[in-house]
Amino acid sequence: MEYKIERLGVAGTLACQFEHKGRRYSAQVDKILGGGTGCMICPENGFDELYTKDDVPLTEEGLLSVH
């Protein structure tokens, strides 16, 4: 599986796009209000599915460990 990871904005958000079982998804890890981090994964064509996980390291390794 190929990942294109990029850092967004000044807060250090990490984002990537990937394909799983023929569907394309976007994932991102960023800082959340109140402290900590969170990861959100959703299909590229909308928010009909949404997966979240808290306390994911704000690193490339952390982002890749979620999916």
PDB file of N, CA and C in Angstrom:
ATOM      1  N   MET A   1       0.850  -1.169   0.000  1.00  0.00           N
ATOM      2  CA  MET A   1       0.000   0.000   0.000  1.00  0.00           C
ATOM      3  C   MET A   1       0.898   1.234   0.000  1.00  0.00           C
ATOM      4  N   GLU A   2       0.568   2.175  -0.833  1.00  0.00           N
ATOM      5  CA  GLU A   2       1.371   3.390  -0.958  1.00  0.00           C
ATOM      6  C   GLU A   2       0.684   4.538  -0.235  1.00  0.00           C
ATOM      7  N   TYR A   3       1.474   5.288   0.527  1.00  0.00           N
ATOM      8  CA  TYR A   3       0.951   6.422   1.282  1.00  0.00           C
ATOM      9  C   TYR A   3       1.668   7.692   0.847  1.00  0.00           C
ATOM     10  N   LYS A   4       0.909   8.754   0.683  1.00  0.00           N
ATOM     11  CA  LYS A   4       1.501  10.063   0.442  1.00  0.00           C
ATOM     12  C   LYS A   4       1.197  10.888   1.688  1.00  0.00           C
ATOM     13  N   ILE A   5       2.217  11.099   2.512  1.00  0.00           N
ATOM     14  CA  ILE A   5       2.030  11.818   3.775  1.00  0.00           C
ATOM     15  C   ILE A   5       2.531  13.238   3.615  1.00  0.00           C
ATOM     16  N   GLU A   6       1.735  14.186   4.124  1.00  0.00           N
ATOM     17  CA  GLU A   6       2.157  15.581   4.087  1.00  0.00           C
ATOM     18  C   GLU A   6       1.795  16.270   5.393  1.00  0.00           C
ATOM     19  N   ARG A   7       2.578  17.273   5.741  1.00  0.00           N
ATOM     20  CA  ARG A   7       2.335  18.065   6.948  1.00  0.00           C
ATOM     21  C   ARG A   7       1.566  19.304   6.539  1.00  0.00           C
ATOM     22  N   LEU A   8       0.469  19.585   7.271  1.00  0.00           N
ATOM     23  CA  LEU A   8      -0.405  20.709   6.935  1.00  0.00           C
ATOM     24  C   LEU A   8      -0.373  21.764   8.037  1.00  0.00           C
ATOM     25  N   GLY A   9      -0.378  23.009   7.663  1.00  0.00           N
ATOM     26  CA  GLY A   9      -0.523  24.115   8.614  1.00  0.00           C
ATOM     27  C   GLY A   9       0.582  24.235   9.633  1.00  0.00           C
ATOM     28  N   VAL A  10       0.430  25.218  10.501  1.00  0.00           N
ATOM     29  CA  VAL A  10       1.460  25.518  11.501  1.00  0.00           C
ATOM     30  C   VAL A  10       1.338  24.626  12.741  1.00  0.00           C
ATOM     31  N   ALA A  11       0.188  23.964  12.923  1.00  0.00           N
ATOM     32  CA  ALA A  11      -0.001  23.109  14.103  1.00  0.00           C
ATOM     33  C   ALA A  11       0.638  21.737  13.921  1.00  0.00           C
ATOM     34  N   GLY A  12       1.115  21.424  12.715  1.00  0.00           N
ATOM     35  CA  GLY A  12       1.804  20.169  12.487  1.00  0.00           C
ATOM     36  C   GLY A  12       0.916  19.003  12.120  1.00  0.00           C
ATOM     37  N   THR A  13      -0.311  19.264  11.710  1.00  0.00           N
ATOM     38  CA  THR A  13      -1.215  18.187  11.304  1.00  0.00           C
ATOM     39  C   THR A  13      -0.566  17.337  10.220  1.00  0.00           C
ATOM     40  N   LEU A  14      -0.706  16.016  10.346  1.00  0.00           N
ATOM     41  CA  LEU A  14      -0.230  15.096   9.315  1.00  0.00           C
ATOM     42  C   LEU A  14      -1.428  14.506   8.599  1.00  0.00           C
ATOM     43  N   ALA A  15      -1.355  14.413   7.274  1.00  0.00           N
ATOM     44  CA  ALA A  15      -2.454  13.875   6.480  1.00  0.00           C
ATOM     45  C   ALA A  15      -1.911  12.924   5.429  1.00  0.00           C
ATOM     46  N   CYS A  16      -2.738  11.935   5.065  1.00  0.00           N
ATOM     47  CA  CYS A  16      -2.356  11.040   3.980  1.00  0.00           C
ATOM     48  C   CYS A  16      -3.603  10.513   3.289  1.00  0.00           C
ATOM     49  N   GLN A  17      -3.409  10.015   2.075  1.00  0.00           N
ATOM     50  CA  GLN A  17      -4.449   9.374   1.308  1.00  0.00           C
ATOM     51  C   GLN A  17      -3.986   7.942   1.059  1.00  0.00           C
ATOM     52  N   PHE A  18      -4.943   6.994   1.073  1.00  0.00           N
ATOM     53  CA  PHE A  18      -4.596   5.602   0.826  1.00  0.00           C
ATOM     54  C   PHE A  18      -5.814   4.875   0.271  1.00  0.00           C
ATOM     55  N   GLU A  19      -5.576   3.670  -0.239  1.00  0.00           N
ATOM     56  CA  GLU A  19      -6.648   2.853  -0.780  1.00  0.00           C
ATOM     57  C   GLU A  19      -6.746   1.570   0.024  1.00  0.00           C
ATOM     58  N   HIS A  20      -7.981   1.149   0.314  1.00  0.00           N
ATOM     59  CA  HIS A  20      -8.217  -0.090   1.055  1.00  0.00           C
ATOM     60  C   HIS A  20      -9.435  -0.777   0.459  1.00  0.00           C
ATOM     61  N   LYS A  21      -9.267  -2.014   0.005  1.00  0.00           N
ATOM     62  CA  LYS A  21     -10.351  -2.793  -0.606  1.00  0.00           C
ATOM     63  C   LYS A  21     -11.049  -2.023  -1.723  1.00  0.00           C
ATOM     64  N   GLY A  22     -10.239  -1.353  -2.554  1.00  0.00           N
ATOM     65  CA  GLY A  22     -10.765  -0.654  -3.713  1.00  0.00           C
ATOM     66  C   GLY A  22     -11.364   0.722  -3.453  1.00  0.00           C
ATOM     67  N   ARG A  23     -11.363   1.172  -2.204  1.00  0.00           N
ATOM     68  CA  ARG A  23     -11.895   2.509  -1.880  1.00  0.00           C
ATOM     69  C   ARG A  23     -10.762   3.407  -1.418  1.00  0.00           C
ATOM     70  N   ARG A  24     -10.839   4.684  -1.785  1.00  0.00           N
ATOM     71  CA  ARG A  24      -9.817   5.660  -1.389  1.00  0.00           C
ATOM     72  C   ARG A  24     -10.272   6.373  -0.126  1.00  0.00           C
ATOM     73  N   TYR A  25      -9.330   6.557   0.800  1.00  0.00           N
ATOM     74  CA  TYR A  25      -9.597   7.208   2.079  1.00  0.00           C
ATOM     75  C   TYR A  25      -8.599   8.323   2.335  1.00  0.00           C
ATOM     76  N   SER A  26      -8.975   9.236   3.201  1.00  0.00           N
ATOM     77  CA  SER A  26      -8.087  10.277   3.714  1.00  0.00           C
ATOM     78  C   SER A  26      -7.989  10.087   5.221  1.00  0.00           C
ATOM     79  N   ALA A  27      -6.802  10.315   5.752  1.00  0.00           N
ATOM     80  CA  ALA A  27      -6.599  10.220   7.200  1.00  0.00           C
ATOM     81  C   ALA A  27      -5.767  11.404   7.645  1.00  0.00           C
ATOM     82  N   GLN A  28      -6.015  11.863   8.859  1.00  0.00           N
ATOM     83  CA  GLN A  28      -5.179  12.928   9.403  1.00  0.00           C
ATOM     84  C   GLN A  28      -5.109  12.818  10.915  1.00  0.00           C
ATOM     85  N   VAL A  29      -3.945  13.196  11.439  1.00  0.00           N
ATOM     86  CA  VAL A  29      -3.706  13.250  12.881  1.00  0.00           C
ATOM     87  C   VAL A  29      -3.393  14.693  13.215  1.00  0.00           C
ATOM     88  N   ASP A  30      -4.078  15.235  14.221  1.00  0.00           N
ATOM     89  CA  ASP A  30      -3.782  16.602  14.638  1.00  0.00           C
ATOM     90  C   ASP A  30      -4.074  16.786  16.125  1.00  0.00           C
ATOM     91  N   LYS A  31      -3.659  17.932  16.635  1.00  0.00           N
ATOM     92  CA  LYS A  31      -3.901  18.275  18.036  1.00  0.00           C
ATOM     93  C   LYS A  31      -5.376  18.588  18.222  1.00  0.00           C
ATOM     94  N   ILE A  32      -5.932  18.195  19.372  1.00  0.00           N
ATOM     95  CA  ILE A  32      -7.333  18.473  19.652  1.00  0.00           C
ATOM     96  C   ILE A  32      -7.445  19.419  20.842  1.00  0.00           C
ATOM     97  N   LEU A  33      -8.557  20.131  20.898  1.00  0.00           N
ATOM     98  CA  LEU A  33      -8.779  21.057  22.004  1.00  0.00           C
ATOM     99  C   LEU A  33      -8.777  20.299  23.326  1.00  0.00           C
ATOM    100  N   GLY A  34      -8.205  20.885  24.327  1.00  0.00           N
ATOM    101  CA  GLY A  34      -8.134  20.242  25.628  1.00  0.00           C
ATOM    102  C   GLY A  34      -6.904  19.371  25.805  1.00  0.00           C
ATOM    103  N   GLY A  35      -6.080  19.273  24.780  1.00  0.00           N
ATOM    104  CA  GLY A  35      -4.848  18.495  24.859  1.00  0.00           C
ATOM    105  C   GLY A  35      -4.978  17.145  24.182  1.00  0.00           C
ATOM    106  N   GLY A  36      -3.862  16.593  23.844  1.00  0.00           N
ATOM    107  CA  GLY A  36      -3.837  15.294  23.174  1.00  0.00           C
ATOM    108  C   GLY A  36      -3.915  15.426  21.670  1.00  0.00           C
ATOM    109  N   THR A  37      -4.061  14.287  21.030  1.00  0.00           N
ATOM    110  CA  THR A  37      -4.158  14.232  19.576  1.00  0.00           C
ATOM    111  C   THR A  37      -5.306  13.317  19.186  1.00  0.00           C
ATOM    112  N   GLY A  38      -5.713  13.420  17.944  1.00  0.00           N
ATOM    113  CA  GLY A  38      -6.773  12.566  17.423  1.00  0.00           C
ATOM    114  C   GLY A  38      -6.549  12.280  15.963  1.00  0.00           C
ATOM    115  N   CYS A  39      -7.003  11.111  15.542  1.00  0.00           N
ATOM    116  CA  CYS A  39      -6.909  10.721  14.139  1.00  0.00           C
ATOM    117  C   CYS A  39      -8.315  10.540  13.594  1.00  0.00           C
ATOM    118  N   MET A  40      -8.530  11.013  12.384  1.00  0.00           N
ATOM    119  CA  MET A  40      -9.805  10.874  11.705  1.00  0.00           C
ATOM    120  C   MET A  40      -9.555  10.249  10.339  1.00  0.00           C
ATOM    121  N   ILE A  41     -10.320   9.218  10.008  1.00  0.00           N
ATOM    122  CA  ILE A  41     -10.225   8.557   8.707  1.00  0.00           C
ATOM    123  C   ILE A  41     -11.620   8.566   8.087  1.00  0.00           C
ATOM    124  N   CYS A  42     -11.698   8.993   6.815  1.00  0.00           N
ATOM    125  CA  CYS A  42     -12.986   8.999   6.119  1.00  0.00           C
ATOM    126  C   CYS A  42     -12.748   8.752   4.632  1.00  0.00           C
ATOM    127  N   PRO A  43     -13.783   8.260   3.923  1.00  0.00           N
ATOM    128  CA  PRO A  43     -13.662   8.083   2.478  1.00  0.00           C
ATOM    129  C   PRO A  43     -13.443   9.426   1.795  1.00  0.00           C
ATOM    130  N   GLU A  44     -12.713   9.410   0.687  1.00  0.00           N
ATOM    131  CA  GLU A  44     -12.453  10.659  -0.032  1.00  0.00           C
ATOM    132  C   GLU A  44     -13.711  11.243  -0.655  1.00  0.00           C
ATOM    133  N   ASN A  45     -14.748  10.428  -0.866  1.00  0.00           N
ATOM    134  CA  ASN A  45     -15.945  10.928  -1.534  1.00  0.00           C
ATOM    135  C   ASN A  45     -16.995  11.458  -0.562  1.00  0.00           C
ATOM    136  N   GLY A  46     -16.670  11.607   0.722  1.00  0.00           N
ATOM    137  CA  GLY A  46     -17.629  12.176   1.657  1.00  0.00           C
ATOM    138  C   GLY A  46     -17.490  11.612   3.053  1.00  0.00           C
ATOM    139  N   PHE A  47     -18.429  11.975   3.905  1.00  0.00           N
ATOM    140  CA  PHE A  47     -18.383  11.569   5.306  1.00  0.00           C
ATOM    141  C   PHE A  47     -19.427  10.507   5.636  1.00  0.00           C
ATOM    142  N   ASP A  48     -19.736   9.605   4.670  1.00  0.00           N
ATOM    143  CA  ASP A  48     -20.710   8.564   4.965  1.00  0.00           C
ATOM    144  C   ASP A  48     -20.168   7.547   5.968  1.00  0.00           C
ATOM    145  N   GLU A  49     -18.855   7.483   6.108  1.00  0.00           N
ATOM    146  CA  GLU A  49     -18.185   6.682   7.134  1.00  0.00           C
ATOM    147  C   GLU A  49     -17.169   7.599   7.807  1.00  0.00           C
ATOM    148  N   LEU A  50     -17.011   7.451   9.088  1.00  0.00           N
ATOM    149  CA  LEU A  50     -16.031   8.259   9.804  1.00  0.00           C
ATOM    150  C   LEU A  50     -15.475   7.430  10.943  1.00  0.00           C
ATOM    151  N   TYR A  51     -14.165   7.283  10.968  1.00  0.00           N
ATOM    152  CA  TYR A  51     -13.489   6.525  12.014  1.00  0.00           C
ATOM    153  C   TYR A  51     -12.584   7.477  12.774  1.00  0.00           C
ATOM    154  N   THR A  52     -12.561   7.371  14.082  1.00  0.00           N
ATOM    155  CA  THR A  52     -11.706   8.237  14.898  1.00  0.00           C
ATOM    156  C   THR A  52     -10.967   7.421  15.944  1.00  0.00           C
ATOM    157  N   LYS A  53      -9.834   7.938  16.363  1.00  0.00           N
ATOM    158  CA  LYS A  53      -9.052   7.328  17.432  1.00  0.00           C
ATOM    159  C   LYS A  53      -8.296   8.441  18.143  1.00  0.00           C
ATOM    160  N   ASP A  54      -8.313   8.430  19.472  1.00  0.00           N
ATOM    161  CA  ASP A  54      -7.610   9.435  20.270  1.00  0.00           C
ATOM    162  C   ASP A  54      -6.207   8.972  20.621  1.00  0.00           C
ATOM    163  N   ASP A  55      -5.387   9.931  21.035  1.00  0.00           N
ATOM    164  CA  ASP A  55      -4.033   9.680  21.536  1.00  0.00           C
ATOM    165  C   ASP A  55      -3.139   8.950  20.537  1.00  0.00           C
ATOM    166  N   VAL A  56      -3.164   9.404  19.298  1.00  0.00           N
ATOM    167  CA  VAL A  56      -2.284   8.884  18.256  1.00  0.00           C
ATOM    168  C   VAL A  56      -1.081   9.822  18.168  1.00  0.00           C
ATOM    169  N   PRO A  57       0.147   9.297  18.230  1.00  0.00           N
ATOM    170  CA  PRO A  57       1.323  10.176  18.139  1.00  0.00           C
ATOM    171  C   PRO A  57       1.289  11.031  16.868  1.00  0.00           C
ATOM    172  N   LEU A  58       1.659  12.275  16.992  1.00  0.00           N
ATOM    173  CA  LEU A  58       1.665  13.214  15.872  1.00  0.00           C
ATOM    174  C   LEU A  58       2.974  13.048  15.093  1.00  0.00           C
ATOM    175  N   THR A  59       3.148  11.839  14.566  1.00  0.00           N
ATOM    176  CA  THR A  59       4.320  11.477  13.775  1.00  0.00           C
ATOM    177  C   THR A  59       3.843  10.660  12.575  1.00  0.00           C
ATOM    178  N   GLU A  60       4.704  10.493  11.573  1.00  0.00           N
ATOM    179  CA  GLU A  60       4.349   9.654  10.426  1.00  0.00           C
ATOM    180  C   GLU A  60       4.073   8.230  10.882  1.00  0.00           C
ATOM    181  N   GLU A  61       4.873   7.726  11.813  1.00  0.00           N
ATOM    182  CA  GLU A  61       4.682   6.377  12.312  1.00  0.00           C
ATOM    183  C   GLU A  61       3.335   6.238  13.022  1.00  0.00           C
ATOM    184  N   GLY A  62       2.963   7.254  13.804  1.00  0.00           N
ATOM    185  CA  GLY A  62       1.679   7.237  14.478  1.00  0.00           C
ATOM    186  C   GLY A  62       0.515   7.207  13.497  1.00  0.00           C
ATOM    187  N   LEU A  63       0.605   8.022  12.454  1.00  0.00           N
ATOM    188  CA  LEU A  63      -0.438   8.068  11.442  1.00  0.00           C
ATOM    189  C   LEU A  63      -0.573   6.719  10.740  1.00  0.00           C
ATOM    190  N   LEU A  64       0.543   6.119  10.375  1.00  0.00           N
ATOM    191  CA  LEU A  64       0.503   4.845   9.664  1.00  0.00           C
ATOM    192  C   LEU A  64       0.065   3.692  10.554  1.00  0.00           C
ATOM    193  N   SER A  65       0.235   3.804  11.858  1.00  0.00           N
ATOM    194  CA  SER A  65      -0.140   2.716  12.762  1.00  0.00           C
ATOM    195  C   SER A  65      -1.656   2.586  12.905  1.00  0.00           C
ATOM    196  N   VAL A  66      -2.398   3.624  12.548  1.00  0.00           N
ATOM    197  CA  VAL A  66      -3.850   3.613  12.734  1.00  0.00           C
ATOM    198  C   VAL A  66      -4.545   2.739  11.710  1.00  0.00           C
ATOM    199  N   HIS A  67      -4.063   2.727  10.465  1.00  0.00           N
ATOM    200  CA  HIS A  67      -4.748   1.915   9.463  1.00  0.00           C
ATOM    201  C   HIS A  67      -3.886   0.784   9.157  1.00  0.00           C
TER     202      HIS A  67
END
